[in-house]
N, C-alpha and C. Protein backbone atom coordinates (compact mmCIF):
# COMPACT_ATOMS: atom_id res chain seq x y z
N MET A 1 0.24 79.38 47.53
CA MET A 1 -0.98 80.13 47.69
C MET A 1 -0.75 81.63 47.47
N THR A 2 0.39 82.15 47.92
CA THR A 2 0.70 83.57 47.80
C THR A 2 0.81 83.99 46.34
N TRP A 3 1.37 83.14 45.50
CA TRP A 3 1.50 83.51 44.08
C TRP A 3 0.15 83.68 43.43
N ARG A 4 -0.88 82.97 43.92
CA ARG A 4 -2.23 83.12 43.35
C ARG A 4 -2.79 84.50 43.68
N PHE A 5 -2.54 84.97 44.90
CA PHE A 5 -2.99 86.31 45.26
C PHE A 5 -2.26 87.37 44.45
N ALA A 6 -0.98 87.15 44.23
CA ALA A 6 -0.19 88.08 43.42
C ALA A 6 -0.71 88.11 41.99
N LEU A 7 -1.01 86.93 41.45
CA LEU A 7 -1.54 86.85 40.09
C LEU A 7 -2.91 87.53 40.01
N ALA A 8 -3.75 87.29 41.00
CA ALA A 8 -5.07 87.93 41.02
C ALA A 8 -4.93 89.45 41.09
N GLY A 9 -3.98 89.93 41.89
CA GLY A 9 -3.73 91.37 41.98
C GLY A 9 -3.26 91.94 40.67
N LEU A 10 -2.38 91.21 39.99
CA LEU A 10 -1.88 91.65 38.69
C LEU A 10 -3.01 91.72 37.66
N ILE A 11 -3.89 90.74 37.67
CA ILE A 11 -5.02 90.74 36.74
C ILE A 11 -5.95 91.90 37.03
N LEU A 12 -6.25 92.14 38.31
CA LEU A 12 -7.13 93.26 38.67
C LEU A 12 -6.50 94.60 38.28
N ALA A 13 -5.20 94.74 38.50
CA ALA A 13 -4.51 95.97 38.12
C ALA A 13 -4.56 96.18 36.61
N SER A 14 -4.41 95.10 35.85
CA SER A 14 -4.48 95.19 34.38
C SER A 14 -5.87 95.60 33.93
N LEU A 15 -6.89 95.04 34.56
CA LEU A 15 -8.26 95.42 34.21
C LEU A 15 -8.54 96.87 34.55
N ALA A 16 -8.03 97.33 35.70
CA ALA A 16 -8.20 98.73 36.07
C ALA A 16 -7.51 99.64 35.06
N PHE A 17 -6.32 99.24 34.60
CA PHE A 17 -5.59 100.01 33.60
C PHE A 17 -6.40 100.10 32.31
N LEU A 18 -6.96 98.97 31.87
CA LEU A 18 -7.76 98.97 30.65
C LEU A 18 -9.01 99.82 30.80
N ALA A 19 -9.65 99.76 31.95
CA ALA A 19 -10.86 100.56 32.17
C ALA A 19 -10.51 102.04 32.12
N GLN A 20 -9.38 102.43 32.74
CA GLN A 20 -8.99 103.83 32.71
C GLN A 20 -8.66 104.27 31.29
N ALA A 21 -7.95 103.43 30.55
CA ALA A 21 -7.56 103.78 29.19
C ALA A 21 -8.77 103.98 28.30
N GLN A 22 -9.86 103.28 28.56
CA GLN A 22 -11.04 103.39 27.73
C GLN A 22 -11.89 104.60 28.08
N THR A 23 -11.63 105.28 29.21
CA THR A 23 -12.48 106.38 29.61
C THR A 23 -11.89 107.74 29.30
N GLU A 24 -10.71 107.79 28.72
CA GLU A 24 -10.06 109.06 28.41
C GLU A 24 -9.65 109.09 26.94
N ILE A 25 -9.80 110.26 26.34
CA ILE A 25 -9.29 110.47 24.99
C ILE A 25 -8.20 111.52 25.09
N HIS A 26 -7.03 111.20 24.55
CA HIS A 26 -5.89 112.10 24.58
C HIS A 26 -5.61 112.59 23.16
N TYR A 27 -5.81 113.88 22.94
CA TYR A 27 -5.54 114.47 21.64
C TYR A 27 -4.06 114.87 21.57
N SER A 28 -3.49 114.77 20.38
CA SER A 28 -2.14 115.29 20.16
C SER A 28 -2.27 116.75 19.72
N ALA A 29 -1.16 117.45 19.71
CA ALA A 29 -1.19 118.87 19.33
C ALA A 29 -1.67 119.08 17.90
N SER A 30 -1.47 118.09 17.04
CA SER A 30 -1.86 118.25 15.64
C SER A 30 -3.28 117.78 15.34
N GLN A 31 -3.94 117.16 16.30
CA GLN A 31 -5.30 116.66 16.05
C GLN A 31 -6.33 117.77 16.16
N ARG A 32 -7.31 117.68 15.29
CA ARG A 32 -8.42 118.63 15.33
C ARG A 32 -9.42 118.18 16.38
N VAL A 33 -9.83 119.08 17.23
CA VAL A 33 -10.81 118.80 18.27
C VAL A 33 -12.17 119.28 17.78
N GLU A 34 -13.13 118.37 17.72
CA GLU A 34 -14.48 118.70 17.24
C GLU A 34 -15.37 119.09 18.42
N PRO A 35 -15.99 120.27 18.39
CA PRO A 35 -16.85 120.69 19.50
C PRO A 35 -17.97 119.70 19.83
N THR A 36 -18.57 119.08 18.81
CA THR A 36 -19.65 118.13 19.10
C THR A 36 -19.13 116.90 19.84
N GLU A 37 -17.91 116.48 19.53
CA GLU A 37 -17.28 115.36 20.23
C GLU A 37 -16.97 115.76 21.68
N VAL A 38 -16.49 116.99 21.87
CA VAL A 38 -16.24 117.50 23.22
C VAL A 38 -17.53 117.46 24.05
N ALA A 39 -18.60 117.95 23.48
CA ALA A 39 -19.89 117.97 24.19
C ALA A 39 -20.35 116.56 24.52
N ARG A 40 -20.19 115.64 23.58
CA ARG A 40 -20.61 114.26 23.82
C ARG A 40 -19.83 113.64 24.97
N ILE A 41 -18.53 113.87 25.00
CA ILE A 41 -17.69 113.29 26.05
C ILE A 41 -17.99 113.92 27.40
N LEU A 42 -18.10 115.25 27.44
CA LEU A 42 -18.29 115.94 28.70
C LEU A 42 -19.71 115.86 29.24
N ALA A 43 -20.64 115.44 28.40
CA ALA A 43 -22.04 115.37 28.84
C ALA A 43 -22.20 114.43 30.04
N GLY A 44 -21.31 113.47 30.16
CA GLY A 44 -21.35 112.59 31.32
C GLY A 44 -22.31 111.44 31.15
N SER A 45 -22.33 110.59 32.12
CA SER A 45 -23.13 109.37 32.06
C SER A 45 -24.63 109.65 32.05
N ALA A 46 -25.06 110.76 32.59
CA ALA A 46 -26.50 111.05 32.60
C ALA A 46 -27.05 111.16 31.19
N ASN A 47 -26.34 111.90 30.32
CA ASN A 47 -26.82 112.03 28.95
C ASN A 47 -26.64 110.75 28.15
N ARG A 48 -25.58 109.96 28.44
CA ARG A 48 -25.39 108.73 27.71
C ARG A 48 -26.44 107.70 28.07
N ALA A 49 -27.02 107.79 29.26
CA ALA A 49 -28.03 106.83 29.68
C ALA A 49 -29.38 107.11 29.01
N VAL A 50 -29.60 108.34 28.56
CA VAL A 50 -30.86 108.70 27.93
C VAL A 50 -30.80 108.30 26.46
N LYS A 51 -31.77 107.51 26.04
CA LYS A 51 -31.81 107.03 24.67
C LYS A 51 -33.12 107.50 24.04
N THR A 52 -33.01 108.48 23.18
CA THR A 52 -34.22 109.07 22.62
C THR A 52 -34.29 108.98 21.10
N ARG A 53 -33.35 108.37 20.46
CA ARG A 53 -33.34 108.35 19.00
C ARG A 53 -34.42 107.46 18.42
N SER A 54 -34.63 106.27 19.00
CA SER A 54 -35.66 105.39 18.49
C SER A 54 -35.98 104.32 19.52
N LEU A 55 -37.08 103.61 19.29
CA LEU A 55 -37.43 102.52 20.19
C LEU A 55 -36.42 101.40 20.11
N ARG A 56 -35.82 101.22 18.98
CA ARG A 56 -34.82 100.16 18.81
C ARG A 56 -33.66 100.35 19.78
N LEU A 57 -33.20 101.59 19.96
CA LEU A 57 -32.11 101.84 20.89
C LEU A 57 -32.50 101.48 22.32
N LEU A 58 -33.74 101.68 22.68
CA LEU A 58 -34.18 101.33 24.03
C LEU A 58 -34.11 99.83 24.27
N ASP A 59 -34.31 99.04 23.23
CA ASP A 59 -34.30 97.59 23.37
C ASP A 59 -32.95 96.97 23.03
N ASP A 60 -31.98 97.75 22.63
CA ASP A 60 -30.69 97.25 22.18
C ASP A 60 -29.86 96.79 23.38
N PRO A 61 -29.55 95.48 23.50
CA PRO A 61 -28.79 95.01 24.65
C PRO A 61 -27.34 95.48 24.67
N THR A 62 -26.82 95.93 23.53
CA THR A 62 -25.44 96.42 23.51
C THR A 62 -25.33 97.88 23.91
N ALA A 63 -26.45 98.58 24.03
CA ALA A 63 -26.40 100.01 24.34
C ALA A 63 -25.76 100.27 25.69
N ALA A 64 -26.04 99.45 26.69
CA ALA A 64 -25.44 99.64 28.01
C ALA A 64 -23.94 99.43 27.96
N VAL A 65 -23.50 98.45 27.19
CA VAL A 65 -22.07 98.19 27.06
C VAL A 65 -21.40 99.37 26.37
N GLN A 66 -22.00 99.87 25.30
CA GLN A 66 -21.42 101.00 24.58
C GLN A 66 -21.35 102.23 25.47
N ALA A 67 -22.39 102.48 26.29
CA ALA A 67 -22.39 103.63 27.18
C ALA A 67 -21.30 103.48 28.24
N ALA A 68 -21.09 102.26 28.74
CA ALA A 68 -20.07 102.05 29.76
C ALA A 68 -18.67 102.27 29.21
N GLU A 69 -18.45 102.00 27.93
CA GLU A 69 -17.14 102.15 27.32
C GLU A 69 -16.90 103.57 26.79
N ALA A 70 -17.92 104.40 26.77
CA ALA A 70 -17.78 105.74 26.23
C ALA A 70 -16.80 106.55 27.09
N PRO A 71 -15.96 107.37 26.46
CA PRO A 71 -15.00 108.17 27.23
C PRO A 71 -15.71 109.19 28.12
N SER A 72 -15.12 109.45 29.27
CA SER A 72 -15.70 110.40 30.20
C SER A 72 -14.86 111.66 30.33
N SER A 73 -13.71 111.69 29.68
CA SER A 73 -12.88 112.89 29.72
C SER A 73 -12.01 112.96 28.46
N LEU A 74 -11.48 114.16 28.21
CA LEU A 74 -10.56 114.34 27.10
C LEU A 74 -9.43 115.25 27.56
N SER A 75 -8.27 115.03 26.98
CA SER A 75 -7.14 115.89 27.32
C SER A 75 -6.50 116.41 26.05
N ILE A 76 -5.95 117.61 26.18
CA ILE A 76 -5.22 118.23 25.09
C ILE A 76 -3.88 118.72 25.63
N PRO A 77 -2.86 118.72 24.79
CA PRO A 77 -1.53 119.15 25.24
C PRO A 77 -1.38 120.67 25.16
N VAL A 78 -2.00 121.38 26.09
CA VAL A 78 -1.92 122.84 26.08
C VAL A 78 -0.47 123.26 26.32
N ARG A 79 0.04 124.10 25.43
CA ARG A 79 1.42 124.56 25.57
C ARG A 79 1.44 125.86 26.37
N PHE A 80 2.36 125.90 27.33
CA PHE A 80 2.54 127.07 28.18
C PHE A 80 3.98 127.54 28.05
N GLY A 81 4.22 128.79 28.44
CA GLY A 81 5.59 129.27 28.51
C GLY A 81 6.36 128.46 29.53
N PHE A 82 7.68 128.40 29.38
CA PHE A 82 8.52 127.63 30.30
C PHE A 82 8.35 128.17 31.71
N ASP A 83 8.11 127.26 32.66
CA ASP A 83 7.98 127.62 34.08
C ASP A 83 6.91 128.69 34.27
N SER A 84 5.80 128.56 33.52
CA SER A 84 4.78 129.60 33.48
C SER A 84 3.40 129.01 33.27
N ALA A 85 2.38 129.79 33.58
CA ALA A 85 1.00 129.40 33.31
C ALA A 85 0.44 130.20 32.13
N GLU A 86 1.31 130.90 31.40
CA GLU A 86 0.89 131.67 30.24
C GLU A 86 0.64 130.73 29.06
N ILE A 87 -0.58 130.74 28.54
CA ILE A 87 -0.95 129.89 27.41
C ILE A 87 -0.31 130.43 26.14
N LEU A 88 0.40 129.57 25.44
CA LEU A 88 1.03 129.99 24.18
C LEU A 88 0.00 130.01 23.06
N PRO A 89 0.17 130.89 22.07
CA PRO A 89 -0.82 131.04 21.00
C PRO A 89 -1.17 129.75 20.25
N ASP A 90 -0.22 128.83 20.06
CA ASP A 90 -0.53 127.63 19.29
C ASP A 90 -1.45 126.66 20.03
N ALA A 91 -1.73 126.90 21.29
CA ALA A 91 -2.65 126.05 22.05
C ALA A 91 -4.09 126.54 21.96
N ARG A 92 -4.28 127.71 21.45
CA ARG A 92 -5.61 128.34 21.51
C ARG A 92 -6.65 127.69 20.60
N ALA A 93 -6.25 127.17 19.45
CA ALA A 93 -7.24 126.57 18.53
C ALA A 93 -7.94 125.39 19.20
N GLN A 94 -7.17 124.52 19.87
CA GLN A 94 -7.81 123.39 20.55
C GLN A 94 -8.64 123.86 21.73
N LEU A 95 -8.16 124.85 22.47
CA LEU A 95 -8.95 125.38 23.59
C LEU A 95 -10.24 126.03 23.08
N ASP A 96 -10.17 126.70 21.94
CA ASP A 96 -11.37 127.32 21.36
C ASP A 96 -12.40 126.25 20.98
N ALA A 97 -11.94 125.11 20.46
CA ALA A 97 -12.85 124.01 20.12
C ALA A 97 -13.47 123.41 21.38
N VAL A 98 -12.68 123.28 22.44
CA VAL A 98 -13.22 122.78 23.72
C VAL A 98 -14.28 123.75 24.23
N ALA A 99 -14.00 125.05 24.14
CA ALA A 99 -14.97 126.06 24.57
C ALA A 99 -16.28 125.94 23.78
N ALA A 100 -16.17 125.76 22.47
CA ALA A 100 -17.37 125.60 21.64
C ALA A 100 -18.15 124.36 22.07
N GLY A 101 -17.45 123.29 22.42
CA GLY A 101 -18.11 122.08 22.90
C GLY A 101 -18.80 122.29 24.24
N ILE A 102 -18.16 123.02 25.14
CA ILE A 102 -18.76 123.32 26.44
C ILE A 102 -20.03 124.14 26.26
N LYS A 103 -20.02 125.05 25.30
CA LYS A 103 -21.20 125.88 25.04
C LYS A 103 -22.38 125.07 24.52
N LEU A 104 -22.13 123.87 23.98
CA LEU A 104 -23.21 123.00 23.51
C LEU A 104 -23.89 122.24 24.65
N LEU A 105 -23.27 122.24 25.82
CA LEU A 105 -23.81 121.54 26.99
C LEU A 105 -24.89 122.38 27.66
N PRO A 106 -25.75 121.74 28.45
CA PRO A 106 -26.73 122.51 29.23
C PRO A 106 -26.03 123.51 30.16
N ASN A 107 -26.67 124.64 30.41
CA ASN A 107 -26.06 125.70 31.23
C ASN A 107 -25.63 125.23 32.61
N GLY A 108 -26.30 124.28 33.19
CA GLY A 108 -25.95 123.81 34.53
C GLY A 108 -24.81 122.81 34.58
N GLN A 109 -24.35 122.35 33.43
CA GLN A 109 -23.29 121.33 33.37
C GLN A 109 -21.96 121.92 33.84
N SER A 110 -21.36 121.30 34.84
CA SER A 110 -20.06 121.74 35.36
C SER A 110 -18.94 120.91 34.72
N ILE A 111 -17.78 121.52 34.63
CA ILE A 111 -16.61 120.89 34.04
C ILE A 111 -15.43 121.05 34.99
N VAL A 112 -14.68 119.98 35.18
CA VAL A 112 -13.44 120.06 35.95
C VAL A 112 -12.31 120.23 34.94
N VAL A 113 -11.49 121.24 35.15
CA VAL A 113 -10.33 121.51 34.31
C VAL A 113 -9.11 121.03 35.10
N GLU A 114 -8.52 119.92 34.65
CA GLU A 114 -7.42 119.29 35.38
C GLU A 114 -6.09 119.65 34.74
N GLY A 115 -5.16 120.14 35.55
CA GLY A 115 -3.80 120.38 35.09
C GLY A 115 -2.91 119.20 35.45
N HIS A 116 -2.06 118.79 34.52
CA HIS A 116 -1.14 117.67 34.74
C HIS A 116 0.25 118.06 34.26
N THR A 117 1.27 117.51 34.89
CA THR A 117 2.65 117.75 34.49
C THR A 117 3.35 116.41 34.26
N ASP A 118 4.54 116.48 33.69
CA ASP A 118 5.37 115.28 33.66
C ASP A 118 6.08 115.17 35.00
N ALA A 119 6.97 114.21 35.15
CA ALA A 119 7.62 113.95 36.44
C ALA A 119 8.89 114.77 36.66
N THR A 120 9.22 115.66 35.74
CA THR A 120 10.39 116.51 35.92
C THR A 120 10.08 117.55 36.98
N GLY A 121 10.97 117.73 37.93
CA GLY A 121 10.76 118.70 38.99
C GLY A 121 10.22 118.04 40.26
N SER A 122 10.14 118.82 41.32
CA SER A 122 9.70 118.27 42.61
C SER A 122 8.18 118.10 42.62
N ASP A 123 7.71 117.24 43.49
CA ASP A 123 6.27 116.99 43.62
C ASP A 123 5.53 118.28 43.96
N THR A 124 6.06 119.03 44.92
CA THR A 124 5.40 120.27 45.36
C THR A 124 5.34 121.28 44.22
N TYR A 125 6.45 121.44 43.51
CA TYR A 125 6.49 122.39 42.40
C TYR A 125 5.48 121.99 41.32
N ASN A 126 5.45 120.70 40.97
CA ASN A 126 4.55 120.24 39.91
C ASN A 126 3.08 120.41 40.30
N LEU A 127 2.75 120.17 41.56
CA LEU A 127 1.36 120.39 42.01
C LEU A 127 0.97 121.85 41.86
N SER A 128 1.85 122.74 42.30
CA SER A 128 1.58 124.17 42.20
C SER A 128 1.46 124.61 40.74
N LEU A 129 2.39 124.17 39.90
CA LEU A 129 2.38 124.55 38.48
C LEU A 129 1.12 124.03 37.79
N SER A 130 0.75 122.78 38.06
CA SER A 130 -0.44 122.22 37.40
C SER A 130 -1.71 122.96 37.85
N GLN A 131 -1.77 123.38 39.10
CA GLN A 131 -2.93 124.15 39.58
C GLN A 131 -2.99 125.51 38.89
N ARG A 132 -1.85 126.19 38.80
CA ARG A 132 -1.82 127.50 38.14
C ARG A 132 -2.21 127.39 36.67
N ARG A 133 -1.78 126.32 36.02
CA ARG A 133 -2.11 126.13 34.60
C ARG A 133 -3.59 125.80 34.41
N ALA A 134 -4.16 125.00 35.30
CA ALA A 134 -5.60 124.72 35.22
C ALA A 134 -6.39 126.00 35.42
N GLU A 135 -5.97 126.84 36.35
CA GLU A 135 -6.64 128.12 36.59
C GLU A 135 -6.49 129.05 35.38
N SER A 136 -5.33 129.01 34.74
CA SER A 136 -5.10 129.83 33.55
C SER A 136 -6.04 129.42 32.41
N VAL A 137 -6.21 128.12 32.22
CA VAL A 137 -7.13 127.63 31.18
C VAL A 137 -8.56 128.04 31.52
N ARG A 138 -8.96 127.86 32.78
CA ARG A 138 -10.31 128.29 33.18
C ARG A 138 -10.49 129.78 32.89
N ASN A 139 -9.52 130.60 33.27
CA ASN A 139 -9.63 132.04 33.05
C ASN A 139 -9.70 132.39 31.56
N TYR A 140 -8.97 131.66 30.73
CA TYR A 140 -9.03 131.87 29.28
C TYR A 140 -10.44 131.56 28.77
N LEU A 141 -11.00 130.44 29.19
CA LEU A 141 -12.34 130.06 28.73
C LEU A 141 -13.39 131.06 29.19
N VAL A 142 -13.22 131.61 30.37
CA VAL A 142 -14.16 132.61 30.89
C VAL A 142 -14.00 133.93 30.15
N ARG A 143 -12.75 134.40 30.06
CA ARG A 143 -12.47 135.72 29.48
C ARG A 143 -12.72 135.77 27.97
N VAL A 144 -12.24 134.79 27.25
CA VAL A 144 -12.32 134.82 25.79
C VAL A 144 -13.66 134.29 25.26
N HIS A 145 -14.22 133.30 25.93
CA HIS A 145 -15.42 132.63 25.41
C HIS A 145 -16.68 132.88 26.22
N GLY A 146 -16.57 133.60 27.31
CA GLY A 146 -17.75 133.94 28.10
C GLY A 146 -18.40 132.78 28.83
N ILE A 147 -17.66 131.71 29.06
CA ILE A 147 -18.21 130.58 29.82
C ILE A 147 -18.28 131.02 31.28
N GLU A 148 -19.36 130.66 31.94
CA GLU A 148 -19.55 131.08 33.33
C GLU A 148 -18.45 130.53 34.22
N PHE A 149 -17.88 131.41 35.04
CA PHE A 149 -16.80 131.07 35.95
C PHE A 149 -17.17 129.89 36.84
N ARG A 150 -18.38 129.89 37.37
CA ARG A 150 -18.80 128.85 38.33
C ARG A 150 -18.93 127.46 37.71
N ARG A 151 -19.01 127.38 36.38
CA ARG A 151 -19.12 126.08 35.71
C ARG A 151 -17.79 125.34 35.61
N LEU A 152 -16.69 126.06 35.79
CA LEU A 152 -15.36 125.48 35.59
C LEU A 152 -14.60 125.40 36.91
N THR A 153 -14.22 124.21 37.30
CA THR A 153 -13.47 124.00 38.54
C THR A 153 -12.07 123.54 38.20
N PRO A 154 -11.05 124.38 38.51
CA PRO A 154 -9.67 123.96 38.22
C PRO A 154 -9.15 123.02 39.30
N ALA A 155 -8.35 122.05 38.89
CA ALA A 155 -7.72 121.11 39.82
C ALA A 155 -6.35 120.75 39.28
N GLY A 156 -5.33 120.86 40.12
CA GLY A 156 -3.97 120.49 39.73
C GLY A 156 -3.59 119.14 40.30
N PHE A 157 -3.08 118.27 39.45
CA PHE A 157 -2.68 116.93 39.88
C PHE A 157 -1.18 116.70 39.75
N GLY A 158 -0.45 117.70 39.27
CA GLY A 158 0.99 117.54 39.14
C GLY A 158 1.35 116.34 38.31
N GLU A 159 2.27 115.55 38.82
CA GLU A 159 2.76 114.37 38.12
C GLU A 159 2.07 113.10 38.58
N TYR A 160 1.04 113.21 39.41
CA TYR A 160 0.45 112.04 40.06
C TYR A 160 -0.50 111.22 39.21
N ARG A 161 -0.90 111.70 38.06
CA ARG A 161 -1.79 110.94 37.18
C ARG A 161 -1.25 110.92 35.76
N PRO A 162 -0.11 110.25 35.57
CA PRO A 162 0.42 110.17 34.20
C PRO A 162 -0.48 109.30 33.33
N ILE A 163 -0.38 109.48 32.05
CA ILE A 163 -1.14 108.66 31.12
C ILE A 163 -0.64 107.22 31.24
N ALA A 164 -1.56 106.29 31.39
CA ALA A 164 -1.19 104.88 31.56
C ALA A 164 -0.37 104.40 30.38
N GLY A 165 0.72 103.72 30.68
CA GLY A 165 1.56 103.14 29.64
C GLY A 165 2.56 104.12 29.02
N ILE A 166 2.60 105.35 29.53
CA ILE A 166 3.52 106.37 29.00
C ILE A 166 4.58 106.67 30.07
N ASP A 167 5.80 106.89 29.64
CA ASP A 167 6.87 107.27 30.56
C ASP A 167 6.44 108.51 31.35
N PRO A 168 6.56 108.50 32.68
CA PRO A 168 6.13 109.66 33.49
C PRO A 168 6.84 110.96 33.12
N TYR A 169 8.02 110.87 32.47
CA TYR A 169 8.75 112.07 32.06
C TYR A 169 8.39 112.53 30.65
N ALA A 170 7.55 111.79 29.96
CA ALA A 170 7.19 112.11 28.57
C ALA A 170 6.36 113.39 28.49
N ALA A 171 6.54 114.10 27.39
CA ALA A 171 5.83 115.36 27.16
C ALA A 171 4.32 115.17 27.11
N GLU A 172 3.85 113.99 26.72
CA GLU A 172 2.39 113.75 26.64
C GLU A 172 1.70 113.95 27.98
N ASN A 173 2.44 113.80 29.07
CA ASN A 173 1.85 113.97 30.39
C ASN A 173 1.64 115.44 30.75
N ARG A 174 2.23 116.34 30.01
CA ARG A 174 2.00 117.78 30.24
C ARG A 174 0.74 118.14 29.46
N ARG A 175 -0.37 118.11 30.15
CA ARG A 175 -1.66 118.25 29.45
C ARG A 175 -2.68 118.91 30.37
N VAL A 176 -3.80 119.31 29.76
CA VAL A 176 -4.97 119.77 30.50
C VAL A 176 -6.09 118.83 30.12
N GLN A 177 -6.75 118.30 31.13
CA GLN A 177 -7.82 117.32 30.91
C GLN A 177 -9.14 117.94 31.34
N PHE A 178 -10.19 117.64 30.59
CA PHE A 178 -11.52 118.17 30.87
C PHE A 178 -12.43 117.00 31.19
N ARG A 179 -13.17 117.13 32.29
CA ARG A 179 -14.06 116.06 32.74
C ARG A 179 -15.40 116.67 33.15
N GLY A 180 -16.49 116.11 32.63
CA GLY A 180 -17.81 116.57 33.04
C GLY A 180 -18.09 116.14 34.47
N SER A 181 -18.80 116.98 35.20
CA SER A 181 -19.15 116.59 36.58
C SER A 181 -20.58 116.90 36.88
């Protein structure tokens, strides 16, 4: 009987992993970030639930499934100086595209700027570093692009939310993630 509970737990964990993987888009450093795509992702479930293109979309039974599978956040591998929250110049093009996407959203739309690290270093250090880096990105978006300070909430998660299926020490986990709220 115990093995059935273990199997059920494994299946539920796998489904949770798949659900999480479908709700995030992870850009690589070489990928171009499109502002319209950023706006679509960050708009959140409220905008995805509104269907105004045609009457056909209102009657489409697959529309709810497509909305449920739509990503709710995006991450980019913002490069910082070693042991620093200073944004390096090669990270700015992707941040500029994210800023352009945020500007396409309604003025009241809030965004959470999440800092993440890999598993190198202590838990306490990584939490502090990820928070400082999230604040640095928020300050860049405010200072350079004029996005309202109150719309951006920085949050540091350290090494506690690695990308599913990726080694916790992998460079891909050193990222900044944006989530509409």
